[in-house]
């Protein structure tokens, strides 16, 4: 935990990954494909509480990613899908459970990782950011990929175990175990707030 505290003293961005209807809503595209969104929905109150408290800390920036696809960016393996998901401008790409403020950045992305094909790294460098706190979905896909990319770009990586989720607990905990072993630190939102806010 001492290493995490040291990271939290650095300039920090909180990153929410893909908190969107397509993944989390009962009528979303992935629910229609047979995925149960309830495990993802469970993190919403905790994440909302965390964001509300972080917003009182002026030195911490918040960035929200949304995954969105069009005819130019859809991955090859998705192009023949008769029921496309994450189509740009549709209800499925809208936020679920969280409401970004006007002062917070919304960053579109086209791949699993938030760095690939985006200007995220340039933004973080411009802000002199050293630490990324990662939340959102899915732990084993976009969260994991973003953690790996952040590590390889030499950021301190902190993943919130209670503000991330996968469709199954097995996928969630396996991804967290891998991240903790190789790419960064896994802590709870309470651990972070206890350092920043004393509660």
C-alpha atoms as a PDB file:
ATOM      1  CA  UNK A   1       0.000   0.000   0.000  1.00  0.00           C
ATOM      2  CA  UNK A   2       2.948   2.349   0.562  1.00  0.00           C
ATOM      3  CA  UNK A   3       3.736   2.215  -3.151  1.00  0.00           C
ATOM      4  CA  UNK A   4       0.125   3.052  -3.983  1.00  0.00           C
ATOM      5  CA  UNK A   5       0.211   6.040  -1.632  1.00  0.00           C
ATOM      6  CA  UNK A   6       3.370   7.240  -3.373  1.00  0.00           C
ATOM      7  CA  UNK A   7       1.624   6.965  -6.749  1.00  0.00           C
ATOM      8  CA  UNK A   8      -1.373   8.925  -5.472  1.00  0.00           C
ATOM      9  CA  UNK A   9       0.910  11.814  -4.591  1.00  0.00           C
ATOM     10  CA  UNK A  10       1.756  12.119  -8.289  1.00  0.00           C
ATOM     11  CA  UNK A  11      -0.377  14.012 -10.795  1.00  0.00           C
ATOM     12  CA  UNK A  12      -3.326  11.719 -11.405  1.00  0.00           C
ATOM     13  CA  UNK A  13      -6.162  11.112 -13.863  1.00  0.00           C
ATOM     14  CA  UNK A  14      -9.193   8.966 -13.064  1.00  0.00           C
ATOM     15  CA  UNK A  15     -10.265   7.056 -16.160  1.00  0.00           C
ATOM     16  CA  UNK A  16     -13.722   5.500 -16.529  1.00  0.00           C
ATOM     17  CA  UNK A  17     -13.868   2.894 -19.275  1.00  0.00           C
ATOM     18  CA  UNK A  18     -16.962   2.377 -21.444  1.00  0.00           C
ATOM     19  CA  UNK A  19     -19.779   2.857 -18.928  1.00  0.00           C
ATOM     20  CA  UNK A  20     -22.304   2.581 -21.758  1.00  0.00           C
ATOM     21  CA  UNK A  21     -25.801   1.259 -22.397  1.00  0.00           C
ATOM     22  CA  UNK A  22     -24.537  -1.344 -24.839  1.00  0.00           C
ATOM     23  CA  UNK A  23     -22.648  -3.103 -22.044  1.00  0.00           C
ATOM     24  CA  UNK A  24     -24.665  -2.343 -18.904  1.00  0.00           C
ATOM     25  CA  UNK A  25     -28.336  -1.922 -19.857  1.00  0.00           C
ATOM     26  CA  UNK A  26     -30.820  -4.804 -19.943  1.00  0.00           C
ATOM     27  CA  UNK A  27     -31.725  -3.747 -23.490  1.00  0.00           C
ATOM     28  CA  UNK A  28     -28.119  -3.272 -24.576  1.00  0.00           C
ATOM     29  CA  UNK A  29     -26.554  -5.144 -27.428  1.00  0.00           C
ATOM     30  CA  UNK A  30     -24.538  -7.497 -25.245  1.00  0.00           C
ATOM     31  CA  UNK A  31     -27.532  -8.387 -23.078  1.00  0.00           C
ATOM     32  CA  UNK A  32     -29.343  -9.307 -26.280  1.00  0.00           C
ATOM     33  CA  UNK A  33     -26.418 -11.594 -27.060  1.00  0.00           C
ATOM     34  CA  UNK A  34     -26.961 -13.441 -23.800  1.00  0.00           C
ATOM     35  CA  UNK A  35     -24.654 -11.554 -21.417  1.00  0.00           C
ATOM     36  CA  UNK A  36     -26.083 -10.738 -17.987  1.00  0.00           C
ATOM     37  CA  UNK A  37     -25.460  -7.031 -17.253  1.00  0.00           C
ATOM     38  CA  UNK A  38     -26.258  -7.289 -13.525  1.00  0.00           C
ATOM     39  CA  UNK A  39     -22.626  -7.878 -12.428  1.00  0.00           C
ATOM     40  CA  UNK A  40     -21.689  -4.689 -14.283  1.00  0.00           C
ATOM     41  CA  UNK A  41     -24.587  -2.693 -12.871  1.00  0.00           C
ATOM     42  CA  UNK A  42     -23.507  -3.513  -9.308  1.00  0.00           C
ATOM     43  CA  UNK A  43     -20.459  -1.242  -9.527  1.00  0.00           C
ATOM     44  CA  UNK A  44     -22.458   1.842 -10.517  1.00  0.00           C
ATOM     45  CA  UNK A  45     -23.279   3.175  -7.000  1.00  0.00           C
ATOM     46  CA  UNK A  46     -19.695   2.691  -5.837  1.00  0.00           C
ATOM     47  CA  UNK A  47     -18.268   4.358  -8.933  1.00  0.00           C
ATOM     48  CA  UNK A  48     -20.722   7.256  -8.711  1.00  0.00           C
ATOM     49  CA  UNK A  49     -19.777   7.800  -5.058  1.00  0.00           C
ATOM     50  CA  UNK A  50     -16.081   7.664  -5.918  1.00  0.00           C
ATOM     51  CA  UNK A  51     -16.437  10.191  -8.743  1.00  0.00           C
ATOM     52  CA  UNK A  52     -18.465  12.565  -6.575  1.00  0.00           C
ATOM     53  CA  UNK A  53     -15.742  12.614  -3.932  1.00  0.00           C
ATOM     54  CA  UNK A  54     -12.912  12.872  -6.446  1.00  0.00           C
ATOM     55  CA  UNK A  55     -14.564  15.911  -8.008  1.00  0.00           C
ATOM     56  CA  UNK A  56     -13.878  17.848  -4.817  1.00  0.00           C
ATOM     57  CA  UNK A  57     -10.140  17.370  -5.380  1.00  0.00           C
ATOM     58  CA  UNK A  58      -9.125  20.066  -7.842  1.00  0.00           C
ATOM     59  CA  UNK A  59      -5.786  18.473  -8.718  1.00  0.00           C
ATOM     60  CA  UNK A  60      -7.365  15.280 -10.086  1.00  0.00           C
ATOM     61  CA  UNK A  61      -8.734  15.197 -13.640  1.00  0.00           C
ATOM     62  CA  UNK A  62     -11.433  12.783 -14.846  1.00  0.00           C
ATOM     63  CA  UNK A  63     -11.594  11.304 -18.344  1.00  0.00           C
ATOM     64  CA  UNK A  64     -14.443   9.087 -19.598  1.00  0.00           C
ATOM     65  CA  UNK A  65     -13.988   6.805 -22.587  1.00  0.00           C
ATOM     66  CA  UNK A  66     -16.762   5.667 -24.876  1.00  0.00           C
ATOM     67  CA  UNK A  67     -16.312   2.908 -27.422  1.00  0.00           C
ATOM     68  CA  UNK A  68     -17.945   3.795 -30.714  1.00  0.00           C
ATOM     69  CA  UNK A  69     -17.717   2.376 -34.218  1.00  0.00           C
ATOM     70  CA  UNK A  70     -18.619   3.423 -37.747  1.00  0.00           C
ATOM     71  CA  UNK A  71     -17.915   2.079 -41.243  1.00  0.00           C
ATOM     72  CA  UNK A  72     -14.361   3.405 -41.041  1.00  0.00           C
ATOM     73  CA  UNK A  73     -13.357   1.977 -37.682  1.00  0.00           C
ATOM     74  CA  UNK A  74     -15.307  -1.258 -37.081  1.00  0.00           C
ATOM     75  CA  UNK A  75     -12.823  -4.107 -36.486  1.00  0.00           C
ATOM     76  CA  UNK A  76     -12.677  -6.665 -39.302  1.00  0.00           C
ATOM     77  CA  UNK A  77     -13.953  -9.480 -37.083  1.00  0.00           C
ATOM     78  CA  UNK A  78     -17.127  -7.470 -36.325  1.00  0.00           C
ATOM     79  CA  UNK A  79     -18.019  -6.318 -39.841  1.00  0.00           C
ATOM     80  CA  UNK A  80     -20.205  -9.264 -40.794  1.00  0.00           C
ATOM     81  CA  UNK A  81     -22.221  -9.186 -37.571  1.00  0.00           C
ATOM     82  CA  UNK A  82     -25.944  -8.967 -38.449  1.00  0.00           C
ATOM     83  CA  UNK A  83     -26.609  -7.160 -35.158  1.00  0.00           C
ATOM     84  CA  UNK A  84     -23.867  -4.534 -34.855  1.00  0.00           C
ATOM     85  CA  UNK A  85     -23.086  -2.961 -31.493  1.00  0.00           C
ATOM     86  CA  UNK A  86     -21.564   0.350 -30.411  1.00  0.00           C
ATOM     87  CA  UNK A  87     -22.640   2.080 -33.602  1.00  0.00           C
ATOM     88  CA  UNK A  88     -21.662   5.737 -33.520  1.00  0.00           C
ATOM     89  CA  UNK A  89     -24.490   8.078 -32.518  1.00  0.00           C
ATOM     90  CA  UNK A  90     -26.818   5.375 -31.213  1.00  0.00           C
ATOM     91  CA  UNK A  91     -28.412   4.893 -27.796  1.00  0.00           C
ATOM     92  CA  UNK A  92     -26.068   1.984 -27.105  1.00  0.00           C
ATOM     93  CA  UNK A  93     -23.034   4.272 -27.001  1.00  0.00           C
ATOM     94  CA  UNK A  94     -24.583   6.651 -24.446  1.00  0.00           C
ATOM     95  CA  UNK A  95     -23.492   6.625 -20.796  1.00  0.00           C
ATOM     96  CA  UNK A  96     -25.100   4.315 -18.284  1.00  0.00           C
ATOM     97  CA  UNK A  97     -25.242   5.217 -14.593  1.00  0.00           C
ATOM     98  CA  UNK A  98     -22.701   8.036 -14.650  1.00  0.00           C
ATOM     99  CA  UNK A  99     -23.036  11.639 -15.803  1.00  0.00           C
ATOM    100  CA  UNK A 100     -19.811  13.323 -16.912  1.00  0.00           C
ATOM    101  CA  UNK A 101     -19.508  16.985 -16.034  1.00  0.00           C
ATOM    102  CA  UNK A 102     -18.827  19.637 -18.658  1.00  0.00           C
ATOM    103  CA  UNK A 103     -15.340  20.044 -17.192  1.00  0.00           C
ATOM    104  CA  UNK A 104     -14.512  16.364 -17.752  1.00  0.00           C
ATOM    105  CA  UNK A 105     -13.169  14.954 -20.992  1.00  0.00           C
ATOM    106  CA  UNK A 106     -15.144  12.422 -23.029  1.00  0.00           C
ATOM    107  CA  UNK A 107     -12.726  10.427 -25.155  1.00  0.00           C
ATOM    108  CA  UNK A 108     -14.039   8.273 -28.018  1.00  0.00           C
ATOM    109  CA  UNK A 109     -12.086   5.095 -28.698  1.00  0.00           C
ATOM    110  CA  UNK A 110     -12.349   2.452 -31.392  1.00  0.00           C
ATOM    111  CA  UNK A 111     -10.404  -0.448 -29.883  1.00  0.00           C
ATOM    112  CA  UNK A 112     -10.272  -2.209 -26.531  1.00  0.00           C
ATOM    113  CA  UNK A 113      -7.418  -0.075 -25.195  1.00  0.00           C
ATOM    114  CA  UNK A 114      -7.942   3.625 -24.509  1.00  0.00           C
ATOM    115  CA  UNK A 115      -4.501   4.504 -25.907  1.00  0.00           C
ATOM    116  CA  UNK A 116      -4.764   2.794 -29.311  1.00  0.00           C
ATOM    117  CA  UNK A 117      -5.912   5.147 -32.051  1.00  0.00           C
ATOM    118  CA  UNK A 118      -6.618   8.017 -29.630  1.00  0.00           C
ATOM    119  CA  UNK A 119      -4.762  11.070 -28.390  1.00  0.00           C
ATOM    120  CA  UNK A 120      -4.930   9.941 -24.749  1.00  0.00           C
ATOM    121  CA  UNK A 121      -1.176   9.682 -24.323  1.00  0.00           C
ATOM    122  CA  UNK A 122      -0.652  13.188 -25.718  1.00  0.00           C
ATOM    123  CA  UNK A 123      -3.318  14.562 -23.365  1.00  0.00           C
ATOM    124  CA  UNK A 124      -1.732  12.893 -20.328  1.00  0.00           C
ATOM    125  CA  UNK A 125       1.728  14.099 -21.279  1.00  0.00           C
ATOM    126  CA  UNK A 126       0.426  17.625 -21.787  1.00  0.00           C
ATOM    127  CA  UNK A 127      -1.033  17.536 -18.262  1.00  0.00           C
ATOM    128  CA  UNK A 128       2.183  15.997 -16.879  1.00  0.00           C
ATOM    129  CA  UNK A 129       0.185  13.044 -15.539  1.00  0.00           C
ATOM    130  CA  UNK A 130       2.116  10.236 -13.831  1.00  0.00           C
ATOM    131  CA  UNK A 131      -0.666   7.995 -12.455  1.00  0.00           C
ATOM    132  CA  UNK A 132      -3.828   6.525 -13.987  1.00  0.00           C
ATOM    133  CA  UNK A 133      -6.658   5.199 -11.826  1.00  0.00           C
ATOM    134  CA  UNK A 134      -8.741   2.900 -14.008  1.00  0.00           C
ATOM    135  CA  UNK A 135     -12.407   2.010 -13.488  1.00  0.00           C
ATOM    136  CA  UNK A 136     -15.253   0.737 -15.667  1.00  0.00           C
ATOM    137  CA  UNK A 137     -15.916  -2.284 -17.870  1.00  0.00           C
ATOM    138  CA  UNK A 138     -15.007  -4.924 -18.854  1.00  0.00           C
ATOM    139  CA  UNK A 139     -12.251  -5.835 -16.417  1.00  0.00           C
ATOM    140  CA  UNK A 140     -10.927  -8.616 -18.637  1.00  0.00           C
ATOM    141  CA  UNK A 141     -11.159  -6.723 -21.918  1.00  0.00           C
ATOM    142  CA  UNK A 142     -10.993  -2.923 -22.168  1.00  0.00           C
ATOM    143  CA  UNK A 143      -9.842  -2.287 -18.582  1.00  0.00           C
ATOM    144  CA  UNK A 144      -7.125  -4.922 -18.857  1.00  0.00           C
ATOM    145  CA  UNK A 145      -5.970  -3.699 -22.274  1.00  0.00           C
ATOM    146  CA  UNK A 146      -5.851  -0.087 -21.096  1.00  0.00           C
ATOM    147  CA  UNK A 147      -3.867  -1.079 -17.996  1.00  0.00           C
ATOM    148  CA  UNK A 148      -1.314  -2.855 -20.181  1.00  0.00           C
ATOM    149  CA  UNK A 149      -1.034   0.124 -22.519  1.00  0.00           C
ATOM    150  CA  UNK A 150      -0.646   2.535 -19.606  1.00  0.00           C
ATOM    151  CA  UNK A 151       2.086   0.373 -18.095  1.00  0.00           C
ATOM    152  CA  UNK A 152       3.918   0.238 -21.412  1.00  0.00           C
ATOM    153  CA  UNK A 153       3.699   4.030 -21.659  1.00  0.00           C
ATOM    154  CA  UNK A 154       5.379   4.276 -18.246  1.00  0.00           C
ATOM    155  CA  UNK A 155       2.429   5.434 -16.116  1.00  0.00           C
ATOM    156  CA  UNK A 156       1.708   4.270 -12.599  1.00  0.00           C
ATOM    157  CA  UNK A 157      -1.342   2.024 -12.996  1.00  0.00           C
ATOM    158  CA  UNK A 158      -4.004   1.635 -10.305  1.00  0.00           C
ATOM    159  CA  UNK A 159      -7.123  -0.430 -10.995  1.00  0.00           C
ATOM    160  CA  UNK A 160     -10.138  -0.180  -8.688  1.00  0.00           C
ATOM    161  CA  UNK A 161     -11.403  -3.665  -7.856  1.00  0.00           C
ATOM    162  CA  UNK A 162     -14.815  -2.408  -6.674  1.00  0.00           C
ATOM    163  CA  UNK A 163     -15.323   0.000  -9.594  1.00  0.00           C
ATOM    164  CA  UNK A 164     -14.555  -2.489 -12.353  1.00  0.00           C
ATOM    165  CA  UNK A 165     -16.558  -5.500 -13.483  1.00  0.00           C
ATOM    166  CA  UNK A 166     -16.810  -8.308 -16.011  1.00  0.00           C
ATOM    167  CA  UNK A 167     -19.782 -10.432 -16.986  1.00  0.00           C
ATOM    168  CA  UNK A 168     -18.549 -13.222 -14.691  1.00  0.00           C
ATOM    169  CA  UNK A 169     -16.707 -13.093 -11.371  1.00  0.00           C
ATOM    170  CA  UNK A 170     -14.175 -15.573 -12.738  1.00  0.00           C
ATOM    171  CA  UNK A 171     -13.234 -13.236 -15.583  1.00  0.00           C
ATOM    172  CA  UNK A 172     -13.146 -10.244 -13.245  1.00  0.00           C
ATOM    173  CA  UNK A 173     -10.873 -11.750 -10.599  1.00  0.00           C
ATOM    174  CA  UNK A 174      -8.583 -13.475 -13.096  1.00  0.00           C
ATOM    175  CA  UNK A 175      -8.011 -10.157 -14.852  1.00  0.00           C
ATOM    176  CA  UNK A 176      -7.358  -8.341 -11.578  1.00  0.00           C
ATOM    177  CA  UNK A 177      -4.897 -11.018 -10.512  1.00  0.00           C
ATOM    178  CA  UNK A 178      -3.017 -10.675 -13.788  1.00  0.00           C
ATOM    179  CA  UNK A 179      -2.964  -6.871 -13.605  1.00  0.00           C
ATOM    180  CA  UNK A 180      -1.745  -6.938 -10.003  1.00  0.00           C
ATOM    181  CA  UNK A 181       1.018  -9.393 -10.865  1.00  0.00           C
ATOM    182  CA  UNK A 182       2.351  -7.704 -13.984  1.00  0.00           C
ATOM    183  CA  UNK A 183       0.978  -4.240 -14.759  1.00  0.00           C
ATOM    184  CA  UNK A 184       0.026  -2.236 -11.684  1.00  0.00           C
ATOM    185  CA  UNK A 185      -1.772  -2.068  -8.365  1.00  0.00           C
ATOM    186  CA  UNK A 186      -5.260  -3.320  -7.549  1.00  0.00           C
ATOM    187  CA  UNK A 187      -7.005  -1.545  -4.664  1.00  0.00           C
ATOM    188  CA  UNK A 188     -10.514  -0.462  -3.691  1.00  0.00           C
ATOM    189  CA  UNK A 189     -12.008   2.970  -4.144  1.00  0.00           C
ATOM    190  CA  UNK A 190     -12.061   3.274  -0.344  1.00  0.00           C
ATOM    191  CA  UNK A 191      -8.297   2.744  -0.263  1.00  0.00           C
ATOM    192  CA  UNK A 192      -7.814   5.672  -2.635  1.00  0.00           C
ATOM    193  CA  UNK A 193     -10.277   7.933  -0.851  1.00  0.00           C
ATOM    194  CA  UNK A 194      -8.655   7.160   2.501  1.00  0.00           C
ATOM    195  CA  UNK A 195      -5.422   8.639   1.140  1.00  0.00           C
ATOM    196  CA  UNK A 196      -6.977  11.613  -0.605  1.00  0.00           C
ATOM    197  CA  UNK A 197      -9.893  12.451   1.672  1.00  0.00           C
ATOM    198  CA  UNK A 198      -9.165  10.683   4.948  1.00  0.00           C
ATOM    199  CA  UNK A 199     -12.378   8.610   4.782  1.00  0.00           C
END
